[in-house]
């Protein structure tokens, strides 16, 4: 006969796991802001600053709080100096859907760094 008595965890397991999760979430939030910066439309850097001011690092929510952020996210033409759709000179990354485009370019990098540093 075999008797199963259960699994015993380290008494600090929950605390350590939550601590690592919190560190990982802070890292991911910071990386999203940092890596999104080259994609965010810029006139006076107010939009970028609104992301920093509107985000509580570690909350899992990155929020741009400028009054025009939503409109810019969906409708920016990307024709500025470093714009995605600039017709003259060098094209850049700035324009609409900056988070989605950053994520397409850097998702694997963020995941790998988080996994390597916090697991």
PDB file of N, CA and C in Angstrom:
ATOM      1  N   UNK A   1       0.831  -1.168   0.000  1.00  0.00           N
ATOM      2  CA  UNK A   1       0.000   0.000   0.000  1.00  0.00           C
ATOM      3  C   UNK A   1       0.884   1.242   0.000  1.00  0.00           C
ATOM      4  N   UNK A   2       0.418   2.290  -0.713  1.00  0.00           N
ATOM      5  CA  UNK A   2       1.158   3.545  -0.801  1.00  0.00           C
ATOM      6  C   UNK A   2       0.310   4.637  -0.185  1.00  0.00           C
ATOM      7  N   UNK A   3       0.932   5.440   0.591  1.00  0.00           N
ATOM      8  CA  UNK A   3       0.201   6.514   1.254  1.00  0.00           C
ATOM      9  C   UNK A   3       0.798   7.850   0.836  1.00  0.00           C
ATOM     10  N   UNK A   4      -0.058   8.724   0.343  1.00  0.00           N
ATOM     11  CA  UNK A   4       0.376  10.057  -0.079  1.00  0.00           C
ATOM     12  C   UNK A   4       0.078  11.029   1.046  1.00  0.00           C
ATOM     13  N   UNK A   5       1.106  11.744   1.466  1.00  0.00           N
ATOM     14  CA  UNK A   5       0.910  12.672   2.579  1.00  0.00           C
ATOM     15  C   UNK A   5       0.935  14.126   2.142  1.00  0.00           C
ATOM     16  N   UNK A   6       1.154  14.357   0.876  1.00  0.00           N
ATOM     17  CA  UNK A   6       1.129  15.732   0.397  1.00  0.00           C
ATOM     18  C   UNK A   6       2.511  16.290   0.129  1.00  0.00           C
ATOM     19  N   UNK A   7       2.517  17.509  -0.266  1.00  0.00           N
ATOM     20  CA  UNK A   7       3.753  18.211  -0.602  1.00  0.00           C
ATOM     21  C   UNK A   7       3.980  19.282   0.444  1.00  0.00           C
ATOM     22  N   UNK A   8       5.214  19.392   0.863  1.00  0.00           N
ATOM     23  CA  UNK A   8       5.559  20.431   1.822  1.00  0.00           C
ATOM     24  C   UNK A   8       6.395  21.487   1.104  1.00  0.00           C
ATOM     25  N   UNK A   9       5.935  22.713   1.170  1.00  0.00           N
ATOM     26  CA  UNK A   9       6.659  23.819   0.554  1.00  0.00           C
ATOM     27  C   UNK A   9       7.510  24.530   1.597  1.00  0.00           C
ATOM     28  N   UNK A  10       8.517  25.170   1.109  1.00  0.00           N
ATOM     29  CA  UNK A  10       9.325  26.043   1.951  1.00  0.00           C
ATOM     30  C   UNK A  10       8.365  27.077   2.555  1.00  0.00           C
ATOM     31  N   UNK A  11       8.486  27.362   3.835  1.00  0.00           N
ATOM     32  CA  UNK A  11       7.579  28.335   4.462  1.00  0.00           C
ATOM     33  C   UNK A  11       7.599  29.705   3.786  1.00  0.00           C
ATOM     34  N   UNK A  12       8.689  30.042   3.109  1.00  0.00           N
ATOM     35  CA  UNK A  12       8.811  31.346   2.451  1.00  0.00           C
ATOM     36  C   UNK A  12       8.452  31.282   0.969  1.00  0.00           C
ATOM     37  N   UNK A  13       7.931  30.153   0.508  1.00  0.00           N
ATOM     38  CA  UNK A  13       7.648  29.965  -0.920  1.00  0.00           C
ATOM     39  C   UNK A  13       6.747  31.063  -1.482  1.00  0.00           C
ATOM     40  N   UNK A  14       5.613  31.280  -0.854  1.00  0.00           N
ATOM     41  CA  UNK A  14       4.658  32.282  -1.350  1.00  0.00           C
ATOM     42  C   UNK A  14       5.275  33.677  -1.363  1.00  0.00           C
ATOM     43  N   UNK A  15       5.932  34.039  -0.293  1.00  0.00           N
ATOM     44  CA  UNK A  15       6.554  35.362  -0.187  1.00  0.00           C
ATOM     45  C   UNK A  15       7.621  35.549  -1.269  1.00  0.00           C
ATOM     46  N   UNK A  16       8.478  34.540  -1.469  1.00  0.00           N
ATOM     47  CA  UNK A  16       9.537  34.629  -2.481  1.00  0.00           C
ATOM     48  C   UNK A  16       8.962  34.680  -3.890  1.00  0.00           C
ATOM     49  N   UNK A  17       7.929  33.886  -4.135  1.00  0.00           N
ATOM     50  CA  UNK A  17       7.301  33.872  -5.459  1.00  0.00           C
ATOM     51  C   UNK A  17       6.676  35.227  -5.768  1.00  0.00           C
ATOM     52  N   UNK A  18       5.951  35.782  -4.818  1.00  0.00           N
ATOM     53  CA  UNK A  18       5.321  37.089  -5.027  1.00  0.00           C
ATOM     54  C   UNK A  18       6.372  38.180  -5.207  1.00  0.00           C
ATOM     55  N   UNK A  19       7.462  38.087  -4.465  1.00  0.00           N
ATOM     56  CA  UNK A  19       8.543  39.067  -4.572  1.00  0.00           C
ATOM     57  C   UNK A  19       9.160  39.023  -5.977  1.00  0.00           C
ATOM     58  N   UNK A  20       9.408  37.807  -6.493  1.00  0.00           N
ATOM     59  CA  UNK A  20       9.969  37.672  -7.837  1.00  0.00           C
ATOM     60  C   UNK A  20       8.993  38.149  -8.896  1.00  0.00           C
ATOM     61  N   UNK A  21       7.698  37.851  -8.703  1.00  0.00           N
ATOM     62  CA  UNK A  21       6.695  38.310  -9.650  1.00  0.00           C
ATOM     63  C   UNK A  21       6.648  39.831  -9.677  1.00  0.00           C
ATOM     64  N   UNK A  22       6.687  40.460  -8.523  1.00  0.00           N
ATOM     65  CA  UNK A  22       6.659  41.926  -8.442  1.00  0.00           C
ATOM     66  C   UNK A  22       7.872  42.528  -9.144  1.00  0.00           C
ATOM     67  N   UNK A  23       9.046  41.955  -8.907  1.00  0.00           N
ATOM     68  CA  UNK A  23      10.254  42.443  -9.579  1.00  0.00           C
ATOM     69  C   UNK A  23      10.144  42.296 -11.085  1.00  0.00           C
ATOM     70  N   UNK A  24       9.632  41.153 -11.530  1.00  0.00           N
ATOM     71  CA  UNK A  24       9.479  40.912 -12.969  1.00  0.00           C
ATOM     72  C   UNK A  24       8.485  41.902 -13.577  1.00  0.00           C
ATOM     73  N   UNK A  25       7.370  42.167 -12.885  1.00  0.00           N
ATOM     74  CA  UNK A  25       6.380  43.100 -13.414  1.00  0.00           C
ATOM     75  C   UNK A  25       6.945  44.514 -13.500  1.00  0.00           C
ATOM     76  N   UNK A  26       7.712  44.919 -12.511  1.00  0.00           N
ATOM     77  CA  UNK A  26       8.351  46.241 -12.555  1.00  0.00           C
ATOM     78  C   UNK A  26       9.318  46.328 -13.730  1.00  0.00           C
ATOM     79  N   UNK A  27      10.071  45.265 -13.944  1.00  0.00           N
ATOM     80  CA  UNK A  27      11.007  45.228 -15.067  1.00  0.00           C
ATOM     81  C   UNK A  27      10.259  45.345 -16.395  1.00  0.00           C
ATOM     82  N   UNK A  28       9.179  44.568 -16.555  1.00  0.00           N
ATOM     83  CA  UNK A  28       8.418  44.576 -17.807  1.00  0.00           C
ATOM     84  C   UNK A  28       7.802  45.947 -18.055  1.00  0.00           C
ATOM     85  N   UNK A  29       7.198  46.543 -17.039  1.00  0.00           N
ATOM     86  CA  UNK A  29       6.612  47.880 -17.194  1.00  0.00           C
ATOM     87  C   UNK A  29       7.667  48.894 -17.629  1.00  0.00           C
ATOM     88  N   UNK A  30       8.825  48.845 -17.002  1.00  0.00           N
ATOM     89  CA  UNK A  30       9.909  49.773 -17.341  1.00  0.00           C
ATOM     90  C   UNK A  30      10.407  49.547 -18.764  1.00  0.00           C
ATOM     91  N   UNK A  31      10.535  48.287 -19.159  1.00  0.00           N
ATOM     92  CA  UNK A  31      10.999  47.967 -20.512  1.00  0.00           C
ATOM     93  C   UNK A  31       9.981  48.411 -21.562  1.00  0.00           C
ATOM     94  N   UNK A  32       8.702  48.247 -21.270  1.00  0.00           N
ATOM     95  CA  UNK A  32       7.673  48.686 -22.216  1.00  0.00           C
ATOM     96  C   UNK A  32       7.787  50.193 -22.437  1.00  0.00           C
ATOM     97  N   UNK A  33       7.939  50.961 -21.376  1.00  0.00           N
ATOM     98  CA  UNK A  33       8.100  52.409 -21.527  1.00  0.00           C
ATOM     99  C   UNK A  33       9.386  52.745 -22.285  1.00  0.00           C
ATOM    100  N   UNK A  34      10.474  52.118 -21.905  1.00  0.00           N
ATOM    101  CA  UNK A  34      11.774  52.416 -22.535  1.00  0.00           C
ATOM    102  C   UNK A  34      11.777  52.053 -24.018  1.00  0.00           C
ATOM    103  N   UNK A  35      11.296  50.853 -24.332  1.00  0.00           N
ATOM    104  CA  UNK A  35      11.347  50.398 -25.717  1.00  0.00           C
ATOM    105  C   UNK A  35      10.270  51.043 -26.587  1.00  0.00           C
ATOM    106  N   UNK A  36       9.212  51.568 -25.979  1.00  0.00           N
ATOM    107  CA  UNK A  36       8.170  52.264 -26.753  1.00  0.00           C
ATOM    108  C   UNK A  36       8.600  53.668 -27.139  1.00  0.00           C
ATOM    109  N   UNK A  37       9.530  54.233 -26.410  1.00  0.00           N
ATOM    110  CA  UNK A  37       9.931  55.620 -26.625  1.00  0.00           C
ATOM    111  C   UNK A  37      10.243  55.955 -28.086  1.00  0.00           C
ATOM    112  N   UNK A  38      11.010  55.149 -28.816  1.00  0.00           N
ATOM    113  CA  UNK A  38      11.296  55.502 -30.215  1.00  0.00           C
ATOM    114  C   UNK A  38      10.076  55.435 -31.141  1.00  0.00           C
ATOM    115  N   UNK A  39       8.977  54.849 -30.688  1.00  0.00           N
ATOM    116  CA  UNK A  39       7.776  54.683 -31.499  1.00  0.00           C
ATOM    117  C   UNK A  39       6.725  55.760 -31.213  1.00  0.00           C
ATOM    118  N   UNK A  40       6.825  56.417 -30.051  1.00  0.00           N
ATOM    119  CA  UNK A  40       5.822  57.400 -29.620  1.00  0.00           C
ATOM    120  C   UNK A  40       5.982  58.687 -30.422  1.00  0.00           C
ATOM    121  N   UNK A  41       4.879  59.217 -30.993  1.00  0.00           N
ATOM    122  CA  UNK A  41       4.959  60.489 -31.708  1.00  0.00           C
ATOM    123  C   UNK A  41       5.485  61.583 -30.779  1.00  0.00           C
ATOM    124  N   UNK A  42       6.292  62.474 -31.334  1.00  0.00           N
ATOM    125  CA  UNK A  42       6.905  63.492 -30.490  1.00  0.00           C
ATOM    126  C   UNK A  42       6.793  64.865 -31.156  1.00  0.00           C
ATOM    127  N   UNK A  43       6.311  65.804 -30.390  1.00  0.00           N
ATOM    128  CA  UNK A  43       6.358  67.203 -30.808  1.00  0.00           C
ATOM    129  C   UNK A  43       7.180  67.945 -29.762  1.00  0.00           C
ATOM    130  N   UNK A  44       6.829  67.712 -28.498  1.00  0.00           N
ATOM    131  CA  UNK A  44       7.556  68.376 -27.414  1.00  0.00           C
ATOM    132  C   UNK A  44       7.916  67.397 -26.298  1.00  0.00           C
ATOM    133  N   UNK A  45       7.864  66.120 -26.567  1.00  0.00           N
ATOM    134  CA  UNK A  45       8.151  65.051 -25.597  1.00  0.00           C
ATOM    135  C   UNK A  45       7.102  64.948 -24.496  1.00  0.00           C
ATOM    136  N   UNK A  46       6.009  65.681 -24.629  1.00  0.00           N
ATOM    137  CA  UNK A  46       4.952  65.621 -23.626  1.00  0.00           C
ATOM    138  C   UNK A  46       4.298  64.247 -23.596  1.00  0.00           C
ATOM    139  N   UNK A  47       4.117  63.638 -24.768  1.00  0.00           N
ATOM    140  CA  UNK A  47       3.483  62.321 -24.819  1.00  0.00           C
ATOM    141  C   UNK A  47       4.332  61.301 -24.071  1.00  0.00           C
ATOM    142  N   UNK A  48       5.632  61.309 -24.316  1.00  0.00           N
ATOM    143  CA  UNK A  48       6.527  60.372 -23.629  1.00  0.00           C
ATOM    144  C   UNK A  48       6.461  60.596 -22.119  1.00  0.00           C
ATOM    145  N   UNK A  49       6.501  61.849 -21.703  1.00  0.00           N
ATOM    146  CA  UNK A  49       6.428  62.174 -20.274  1.00  0.00           C
ATOM    147  C   UNK A  49       5.097  61.734 -19.679  1.00  0.00           C
ATOM    148  N   UNK A  50       4.021  61.811 -20.470  1.00  0.00           N
ATOM    149  CA  UNK A  50       2.714  61.408 -19.954  1.00  0.00           C
ATOM    150  C   UNK A  50       2.662  59.906 -19.694  1.00  0.00           C
ATOM    151  N   UNK A  51       3.435  59.125 -20.444  1.00  0.00           N
ATOM    152  CA  UNK A  51       3.529  57.692 -20.184  1.00  0.00           C
ATOM    153  C   UNK A  51       4.251  57.416 -18.882  1.00  0.00           C
ATOM    154  N   UNK A  52       5.303  58.162 -18.628  1.00  0.00           N
ATOM    155  CA  UNK A  52       6.066  58.002 -17.386  1.00  0.00           C
ATOM    156  C   UNK A  52       5.217  58.429 -16.191  1.00  0.00           C
ATOM    157  N   UNK A  53       4.540  59.573 -16.319  1.00  0.00           N
ATOM    158  CA  UNK A  53       3.719  60.076 -15.219  1.00  0.00           C
ATOM    159  C   UNK A  53       2.459  59.250 -14.993  1.00  0.00           C
ATOM    160  N   UNK A  54       1.915  58.653 -16.050  1.00  0.00           N
ATOM    161  CA  UNK A  54       0.667  57.917 -15.945  1.00  0.00           C
ATOM    162  C   UNK A  54       0.817  56.455 -15.571  1.00  0.00           C
ATOM    163  N   UNK A  55       2.050  55.985 -15.468  1.00  0.00           N
ATOM    164  CA  UNK A  55       2.290  54.572 -15.198  1.00  0.00           C
ATOM    165  C   UNK A  55       2.796  54.363 -13.784  1.00  0.00           C
ATOM    166  N   UNK A  56       2.174  53.450 -13.080  1.00  0.00           N
ATOM    167  CA  UNK A  56       2.675  53.019 -11.778  1.00  0.00           C
ATOM    168  C   UNK A  56       3.498  51.770 -12.078  1.00  0.00           C
ATOM    169  N   UNK A  57       4.823  51.906 -11.998  1.00  0.00           N
ATOM    170  CA  UNK A  57       5.711  50.793 -12.324  1.00  0.00           C
ATOM    171  C   UNK A  57       5.408  49.628 -11.390  1.00  0.00           C
ATOM    172  N   UNK A  58       5.115  48.479 -11.995  1.00  0.00           N
ATOM    173  CA  UNK A  58       4.790  47.286 -11.230  1.00  0.00           C
ATOM    174  C   UNK A  58       3.310  46.957 -11.235  1.00  0.00           C
ATOM    175  N   UNK A  59       2.487  47.868 -11.759  1.00  0.00           N
ATOM    176  CA  UNK A  59       1.040  47.643 -11.776  1.00  0.00           C
ATOM    177  C   UNK A  59       0.609  46.756 -12.936  1.00  0.00           C
ATOM    178  N   UNK A  60       1.437  46.675 -13.962  1.00  0.00           N
ATOM    179  CA  UNK A  60       1.067  45.909 -15.145  1.00  0.00           C
ATOM    180  C   UNK A  60       0.267  46.719 -16.145  1.00  0.00           C
ATOM    181  N   UNK A  61       0.095  48.011 -15.871  1.00  0.00           N
ATOM    182  CA  UNK A  61      -0.656  48.891 -16.770  1.00  0.00           C
ATOM    183  C   UNK A  61       0.230  50.080 -17.117  1.00  0.00           C
ATOM    184  N   UNK A  62       0.496  50.239 -18.412  1.00  0.00           N
ATOM    185  CA  UNK A  62       1.244  51.394 -18.895  1.00  0.00           C
ATOM    186  C   UNK A  62       0.208  52.330 -19.514  1.00  0.00           C
ATOM    187  N   UNK A  63       0.128  53.530 -18.986  1.00  0.00           N
ATOM    188  CA  UNK A  63      -0.920  54.450 -19.426  1.00  0.00           C
ATOM    189  C   UNK A  63      -0.329  55.803 -19.785  1.00  0.00           C
ATOM    190  N   UNK A  64      -0.675  56.283 -20.969  1.00  0.00           N
ATOM    191  CA  UNK A  64      -0.287  57.617 -21.415  1.00  0.00           C
ATOM    192  C   UNK A  64      -1.456  58.536 -21.073  1.00  0.00           C
ATOM    193  N   UNK A  65      -1.212  59.539 -20.230  1.00  0.00           N
ATOM    194  CA  UNK A  65      -2.301  60.348 -19.677  1.00  0.00           C
ATOM    195  C   UNK A  65      -2.492  61.695 -20.363  1.00  0.00           C
ATOM    196  N   UNK A  66      -1.733  61.978 -21.401  1.00  0.00           N
ATOM    197  CA  UNK A  66      -1.945  63.231 -22.131  1.00  0.00           C
ATOM    198  C   UNK A  66      -3.368  63.224 -22.694  1.00  0.00           C
ATOM    199  N   UNK A  67      -4.047  64.376 -22.690  1.00  0.00           N
ATOM    200  CA  UNK A  67      -5.441  64.417 -23.150  1.00  0.00           C
ATOM    201  C   UNK A  67      -5.615  63.928 -24.591  1.00  0.00           C
ATOM    202  N   UNK A  68      -4.605  64.058 -25.399  1.00  0.00           N
ATOM    203  CA  UNK A  68      -4.689  63.692 -26.811  1.00  0.00           C
ATOM    204  C   UNK A  68      -4.041  62.335 -27.105  1.00  0.00           C
ATOM    205  N   UNK A  69      -3.646  61.590 -26.079  1.00  0.00           N
ATOM    206  CA  UNK A  69      -2.924  60.329 -26.272  1.00  0.00           C
ATOM    207  C   UNK A  69      -3.736  59.308 -27.073  1.00  0.00           C
ATOM    208  N   UNK A  70      -5.001  59.158 -26.744  1.00  0.00           N
ATOM    209  CA  UNK A  70      -5.835  58.175 -27.446  1.00  0.00           C
ATOM    210  C   UNK A  70      -5.947  58.519 -28.931  1.00  0.00           C
ATOM    211  N   UNK A  71      -6.195  59.769 -29.220  1.00  0.00           N
ATOM    212  CA  UNK A  71      -6.312  60.194 -30.618  1.00  0.00           C
ATOM    213  C   UNK A  71      -5.007  59.942 -31.361  1.00  0.00           C
ATOM    214  N   UNK A  72      -3.883  60.291 -30.751  1.00  0.00           N
ATOM    215  CA  UNK A  72      -2.589  60.085 -31.387  1.00  0.00           C
ATOM    216  C   UNK A  72      -2.291  58.602 -31.591  1.00  0.00           C
ATOM    217  N   UNK A  73      -2.682  57.779 -30.622  1.00  0.00           N
ATOM    218  CA  UNK A  73      -2.416  56.343 -30.721  1.00  0.00           C
ATOM    219  C   UNK A  73      -3.095  55.744 -31.948  1.00  0.00           C
ATOM    220  N   UNK A  74      -4.330  56.163 -32.210  1.00  0.00           N
ATOM    221  CA  UNK A  74      -5.095  55.569 -33.306  1.00  0.00           C
ATOM    222  C   UNK A  74      -4.984  56.307 -34.633  1.00  0.00           C
ATOM    223  N   UNK A  75      -4.700  57.621 -34.614  1.00  0.00           N
ATOM    224  CA  UNK A  75      -4.801  58.375 -35.871  1.00  0.00           C
ATOM    225  C   UNK A  75      -3.534  59.101 -36.301  1.00  0.00           C
ATOM    226  N   UNK A  76      -2.465  59.060 -35.529  1.00  0.00           N
ATOM    227  CA  UNK A  76      -1.260  59.785 -35.921  1.00  0.00           C
ATOM    228  C   UNK A  76      -0.807  59.328 -37.302  1.00  0.00           C
ATOM    229  N   UNK A  77      -0.490  60.277 -38.174  1.00  0.00           N
ATOM    230  CA  UNK A  77      -0.119  59.946 -39.549  1.00  0.00           C
ATOM    231  C   UNK A  77       1.333  59.500 -39.674  1.00  0.00           C
ATOM    232  N   UNK A  78       2.152  59.768 -38.660  1.00  0.00           N
ATOM    233  CA  UNK A  78       3.543  59.351 -38.714  1.00  0.00           C
ATOM    234  C   UNK A  78       4.357  60.075 -39.764  1.00  0.00           C
ATOM    235  N   UNK A  79       4.053  61.345 -40.006  1.00  0.00           N
ATOM    236  CA  UNK A  79       4.764  62.106 -41.039  1.00  0.00           C
ATOM    237  C   UNK A  79       5.753  63.114 -40.481  1.00  0.00           C
ATOM    238  N   UNK A  80       6.018  63.053 -39.185  1.00  0.00           N
ATOM    239  CA  UNK A  80       6.943  63.998 -38.565  1.00  0.00           C
ATOM    240  C   UNK A  80       8.393  63.701 -38.913  1.00  0.00           C
ATOM    241  N   UNK A  81       9.293  64.423 -38.264  1.00  0.00           N
ATOM    242  CA  UNK A  81      10.731  64.324 -38.531  1.00  0.00           C
ATOM    243  C   UNK A  81      11.252  62.886 -38.440  1.00  0.00           C
ATOM    244  N   UNK A  82      10.766  62.131 -37.456  1.00  0.00           N
ATOM    245  CA  UNK A  82      11.172  60.734 -37.295  1.00  0.00           C
ATOM    246  C   UNK A  82       9.996  59.804 -37.536  1.00  0.00           C
ATOM    247  N   UNK A  83       9.066  60.246 -38.364  1.00  0.00           N
ATOM    248  CA  UNK A  83       7.823  59.517 -38.575  1.00  0.00           C
ATOM    249  C   UNK A  83       7.949  58.262 -39.416  1.00  0.00           C
ATOM    250  N   UNK A  84       7.060  57.359 -39.160  1.00  0.00           N
ATOM    251  CA  UNK A  84       6.970  56.083 -39.853  1.00  0.00           C
ATOM    252  C   UNK A  84       6.665  56.278 -41.335  1.00  0.00           C
ATOM    253  N   UNK A  85       5.855  57.265 -41.662  1.00  0.00           N
ATOM    254  CA  UNK A  85       5.424  57.494 -43.040  1.00  0.00           C
ATOM    255  C   UNK A  85       6.016  58.758 -43.655  1.00  0.00           C
ATOM    256  N   UNK A  86       7.143  59.154 -43.186  1.00  0.00           N
ATOM    257  CA  UNK A  86       7.783  60.361 -43.717  1.00  0.00           C
ATOM    258  C   UNK A  86       8.099  60.151 -45.192  1.00  0.00           C
ATOM    259  N   UNK A  87       7.807  61.131 -46.014  1.00  0.00           N
ATOM    260  CA  UNK A  87       8.004  60.976 -47.457  1.00  0.00           C
ATOM    261  C   UNK A  87       9.360  61.487 -47.928  1.00  0.00           C
ATOM    262  N   UNK A  88       9.958  62.400 -47.168  1.00  0.00           N
ATOM    263  CA  UNK A  88      11.246  62.971 -47.566  1.00  0.00           C
ATOM    264  C   UNK A  88      12.279  62.613 -46.507  1.00  0.00           C
ATOM    265  N   UNK A  89      13.444  62.171 -46.933  1.00  0.00           N
ATOM    266  CA  UNK A  89      14.510  61.873 -45.975  1.00  0.00           C
ATOM    267  C   UNK A  89      14.347  60.497 -45.352  1.00  0.00           C
ATOM    268  N   UNK A  90      14.969  60.347 -44.205  1.00  0.00           N
ATOM    269  CA  UNK A  90      14.987  59.063 -43.522  1.00  0.00           C
ATOM    270  C   UNK A  90      13.686  58.812 -42.783  1.00  0.00           C
ATOM    271  N   UNK A  91      13.184  57.609 -42.919  1.00  0.00           N
ATOM    272  CA  UNK A  91      11.970  57.237 -42.187  1.00  0.00           C
ATOM    273  C   UNK A  91      12.352  56.752 -40.802  1.00  0.00           C
ATOM    274  N   UNK A  92      11.455  56.951 -39.856  1.00  0.00           N
ATOM    275  CA  UNK A  92      11.682  56.521 -38.486  1.00  0.00           C
ATOM    276  C   UNK A  92      10.617  55.540 -38.037  1.00  0.00           C
ATOM    277  N   UNK A  93      10.382  55.487 -36.741  1.00  0.00           N
ATOM    278  CA  UNK A  93       9.435  54.547 -36.157  1.00  0.00           C
ATOM    279  C   UNK A  93       8.193  55.213 -35.583  1.00  0.00           C
ATOM    280  N   UNK A  94       8.233  56.517 -35.397  1.00  0.00           N
ATOM    281  CA  UNK A  94       7.157  57.199 -34.682  1.00  0.00           C
ATOM    282  C   UNK A  94       5.873  57.227 -35.502  1.00  0.00           C
ATOM    283  N   UNK A  95       4.762  56.961 -34.801  1.00  0.00           N
ATOM    284  CA  UNK A  95       3.473  56.961 -35.472  1.00  0.00           C
ATOM    285  C   UNK A  95       2.421  56.260 -34.642  1.00  0.00           C
ATOM    286  N   UNK A  96       1.328  55.848 -35.284  1.00  0.00           N
ATOM    287  CA  UNK A  96       0.212  55.244 -34.545  1.00  0.00           C
ATOM    288  C   UNK A  96       0.533  53.836 -34.056  1.00  0.00           C
ATOM    289  N   UNK A  97      -0.277  53.346 -33.135  1.00  0.00           N
ATOM    290  CA  UNK A  97      -0.175  51.976 -32.614  1.00  0.00           C
ATOM    291  C   UNK A  97       1.234  51.662 -32.121  1.00  0.00           C
ATOM    292  N   UNK A  98       1.844  52.633 -31.411  1.00  0.00           N
ATOM    293  CA  UNK A  98       3.236  52.460 -31.020  1.00  0.00           C
ATOM    294  C   UNK A  98       3.474  51.256 -30.128  1.00  0.00           C
ATOM    295  N   UNK A  99       2.533  50.936 -29.232  1.00  0.00           N
ATOM    296  CA  UNK A  99       2.738  49.774 -28.365  1.00  0.00           C
ATOM    297  C   UNK A  99       2.711  48.480 -29.179  1.00  0.00           C
ATOM    298  N   UNK A 100       1.753  48.347 -30.067  1.00  0.00           N
ATOM    299  CA  UNK A 100       1.651  47.128 -30.871  1.00  0.00           C
ATOM    300  C   UNK A 100       2.878  46.939 -31.754  1.00  0.00           C
ATOM    301  N   UNK A 101       3.377  48.016 -32.325  1.00  0.00           N
ATOM    302  CA  UNK A 101       4.560  47.907 -33.183  1.00  0.00           C
ATOM    303  C   UNK A 101       5.813  47.611 -32.369  1.00  0.00           C
ATOM    304  N   UNK A 102       5.940  48.224 -31.183  1.00  0.00           N
ATOM    305  CA  UNK A 102       7.068  47.926 -30.299  1.00  0.00           C
ATOM    306  C   UNK A 102       7.018  46.475 -29.867  1.00  0.00           C
ATOM    307  N   UNK A 103       5.820  46.010 -29.511  1.00  0.00           N
ATOM    308  CA  UNK A 103       5.650  44.630 -29.051  1.00  0.00           C
ATOM    309  C   UNK A 103       6.035  43.643 -30.162  1.00  0.00           C
ATOM    310  N   UNK A 104       5.655  43.941 -31.385  1.00  0.00           N
ATOM    311  CA  UNK A 104       6.015  43.061 -32.507  1.00  0.00           C
ATOM    312  C   UNK A 104       7.537  42.982 -32.681  1.00  0.00           C
ATOM    313  N   UNK A 105       8.220  44.083 -32.404  1.00  0.00           N
ATOM    314  CA  UNK A 105       9.673  44.123 -32.563  1.00  0.00           C
ATOM    315  C   UNK A 105      10.436  43.592 -31.351  1.00  0.00           C
ATOM    316  N   UNK A 106       9.880  43.717 -30.142  1.00  0.00           N
ATOM    317  CA  UNK A 106      10.665  43.450 -28.924  1.00  0.00           C
ATOM    318  C   UNK A 106      10.060  42.462 -27.929  1.00  0.00           C
ATOM    319  N   UNK A 107       8.924  41.875 -28.235  1.00  0.00           N
ATOM    320  CA  UNK A 107       8.254  40.981 -27.276  1.00  0.00           C
ATOM    321  C   UNK A 107       9.180  39.851 -26.813  1.00  0.00           C
ATOM    322  N   UNK A 108       9.825  39.183 -27.747  1.00  0.00           N
ATOM    323  CA  UNK A 108      10.713  38.073 -27.393  1.00  0.00           C
ATOM    324  C   UNK A 108      11.863  38.504 -26.499  1.00  0.00           C
ATOM    325  N   UNK A 109      12.409  39.658 -26.780  1.00  0.00           N
ATOM    326  CA  UNK A 109      13.513  40.210 -25.986  1.00  0.00           C
ATOM    327  C   UNK A 109      13.068  40.483 -24.546  1.00  0.00           C
ATOM    328  N   UNK A 110      11.899  41.080 -24.372  1.00  0.00           N
ATOM    329  CA  UNK A 110      11.375  41.369 -23.030  1.00  0.00           C
ATOM    330  C   UNK A 110      11.117  40.071 -22.274  1.00  0.00           C
ATOM    331  N   UNK A 111      10.461  39.119 -22.936  1.00  0.00           N
ATOM    332  CA  UNK A 111      10.168  37.837 -22.291  1.00  0.00           C
ATOM    333  C   UNK A 111      11.442  37.121 -21.868  1.00  0.00           C
ATOM    334  N   UNK A 112      12.445  37.095 -22.749  1.00  0.00           N
ATOM    335  CA  UNK A 112      13.694  36.396 -22.442  1.00  0.00           C
ATOM    336  C   UNK A 112      14.408  37.031 -21.252  1.00  0.00           C
ATOM    337  N   UNK A 113      14.509  38.361 -21.251  1.00  0.00           N
ATOM    338  CA  UNK A 113      15.168  39.050 -20.135  1.00  0.00           C
ATOM    339  C   UNK A 113      14.421  38.823 -18.824  1.00  0.00           C
ATOM    340  N   UNK A 114      13.093  38.877 -18.868  1.00  0.00           N
ATOM    341  CA  UNK A 114      12.310  38.655 -17.642  1.00  0.00           C
ATOM    342  C   UNK A 114      12.520  37.222 -17.143  1.00  0.00           C
ATOM    343  N   UNK A 115      12.480  36.284 -18.051  1.00  0.00           N
ATOM    344  CA  UNK A 115      12.662  34.871 -17.665  1.00  0.00           C
ATOM    345  C   UNK A 115      14.059  34.630 -17.112  1.00  0.00           C
ATOM    346  N   UNK A 116      15.065  35.172 -17.787  1.00  0.00           N
ATOM    347  CA  UNK A 116      16.465  34.966 -17.349  1.00  0.00           C
ATOM    348  C   UNK A 116      16.747  35.605 -15.990  1.00  0.00           C
ATOM    349  N   UNK A 117      16.117  36.737 -15.729  1.00  0.00           N
ATOM    350  CA  UNK A 117      16.431  37.486 -14.503  1.00  0.00           C
ATOM    351  C   UNK A 117      15.530  37.180 -13.310  1.00  0.00           C
ATOM    352  N   UNK A 118      14.339  36.631 -13.559  1.00  0.00           N
ATOM    353  CA  UNK A 118      13.382  36.524 -12.460  1.00  0.00           C
ATOM    354  C   UNK A 118      12.788  35.126 -12.263  1.00  0.00           C
ATOM    355  N   UNK A 119      13.398  34.112 -12.835  1.00  0.00           N
ATOM    356  CA  UNK A 119      12.913  32.748 -12.578  1.00  0.00           C
ATOM    357  C   UNK A 119      13.984  31.901 -11.947  1.00  0.00           C
TER     358      UNK A 119
END
